[in-house]
Amino acid sequence: MTNSNISFNSTGEALRFVASEISAINSAFLEIHYPACGERFEK
């Protein structure tokens, strides 16, 4: 992680960042392919 543009204070912070990225990608995918069902996946 030392050569990354984003520095993390801890592994937990890195995991939260990755999880948020995955969540955003999944949300975008669902909005594109399943627009009528989008409300079901809102948290």
C-alpha atoms as a PDB file:
ATOM      1  CA  MET A   1       0.000   0.000   0.000  1.00  0.00           C
ATOM      2  CA  THR A   2       3.031   2.279   0.323  1.00  0.00           C
ATOM      3  CA  ASN A   3       3.068   3.116  -3.393  1.00  0.00           C
ATOM      4  CA  SER A   4      -0.642   3.896  -3.520  1.00  0.00           C
ATOM      5  CA  ASN A   5      -1.928   7.420  -4.081  1.00  0.00           C
ATOM      6  CA  ILE A   6      -4.318   6.891  -1.167  1.00  0.00           C
ATOM      7  CA  SER A   7      -2.823   6.343   2.276  1.00  0.00           C
ATOM      8  CA  PHE A   8      -4.782   4.388   4.857  1.00  0.00           C
ATOM      9  CA  ASN A   9      -4.450   4.734   8.611  1.00  0.00           C
ATOM     10  CA  SER A  10      -5.293   1.090   9.118  1.00  0.00           C
ATOM     11  CA  THR A  11      -6.378  -2.057   7.337  1.00  0.00           C
ATOM     12  CA  GLY A  12      -9.946  -1.402   8.495  1.00  0.00           C
ATOM     13  CA  GLU A  13      -9.986   1.941   6.717  1.00  0.00           C
ATOM     14  CA  ALA A  14      -8.724   0.277   3.535  1.00  0.00           C
ATOM     15  CA  LEU A  15     -11.399  -2.405   3.784  1.00  0.00           C
ATOM     16  CA  ARG A  16     -14.125   0.208   4.254  1.00  0.00           C
ATOM     17  CA  PHE A  17     -12.827   2.044   1.176  1.00  0.00           C
ATOM     18  CA  VAL A  18     -12.872  -1.138  -0.911  1.00  0.00           C
ATOM     19  CA  ALA A  19     -16.322  -2.056   0.376  1.00  0.00           C
ATOM     20  CA  SER A  20     -17.675   1.383  -0.534  1.00  0.00           C
ATOM     21  CA  GLU A  21     -16.175   1.092  -4.020  1.00  0.00           C
ATOM     22  CA  ILE A  22     -17.739  -2.345  -4.523  1.00  0.00           C
ATOM     23  CA  SER A  23     -21.076  -1.059  -3.220  1.00  0.00           C
ATOM     24  CA  ALA A  24     -20.985   1.867  -5.643  1.00  0.00           C
ATOM     25  CA  ILE A  25     -20.176  -0.441  -8.571  1.00  0.00           C
ATOM     26  CA  ASN A  26     -22.964  -2.850  -7.611  1.00  0.00           C
ATOM     27  CA  SER A  27     -25.436   0.008  -7.244  1.00  0.00           C
ATOM     28  CA  ALA A  28     -24.530   1.372 -10.666  1.00  0.00           C
ATOM     29  CA  PHE A  29     -24.831  -2.094 -12.193  1.00  0.00           C
ATOM     30  CA  LEU A  30     -28.265  -2.614 -10.650  1.00  0.00           C
ATOM     31  CA  GLU A  31     -29.456   0.811 -11.780  1.00  0.00           C
ATOM     32  CA  ILE A  32     -28.389   0.051 -15.354  1.00  0.00           C
ATOM     33  CA  HIS A  33     -29.650  -3.518 -15.627  1.00  0.00           C
ATOM     34  CA  TYR A  34     -32.501  -3.590 -13.123  1.00  0.00           C
ATOM     35  CA  PRO A  35     -33.877  -0.033 -12.873  1.00  0.00           C
ATOM     36  CA  ALA A  36     -37.321  -1.204 -11.766  1.00  0.00           C
ATOM     37  CA  CYS A  37     -35.830  -3.150  -8.846  1.00  0.00           C
ATOM     38  CA  GLY A  38     -33.400  -0.451  -7.704  1.00  0.00           C
ATOM     39  CA  GLU A  39     -35.406   0.478  -4.628  1.00  0.00           C
ATOM     40  CA  ARG A  40     -34.991  -3.018  -3.194  1.00  0.00           C
ATOM     41  CA  PHE A  41     -31.223  -2.606  -2.967  1.00  0.00           C
ATOM     42  CA  GLU A  42     -31.215   0.802  -1.302  1.00  0.00           C
ATOM     43  CA  LYS A  43     -29.779   0.653   2.213  1.00  0.00           C
END
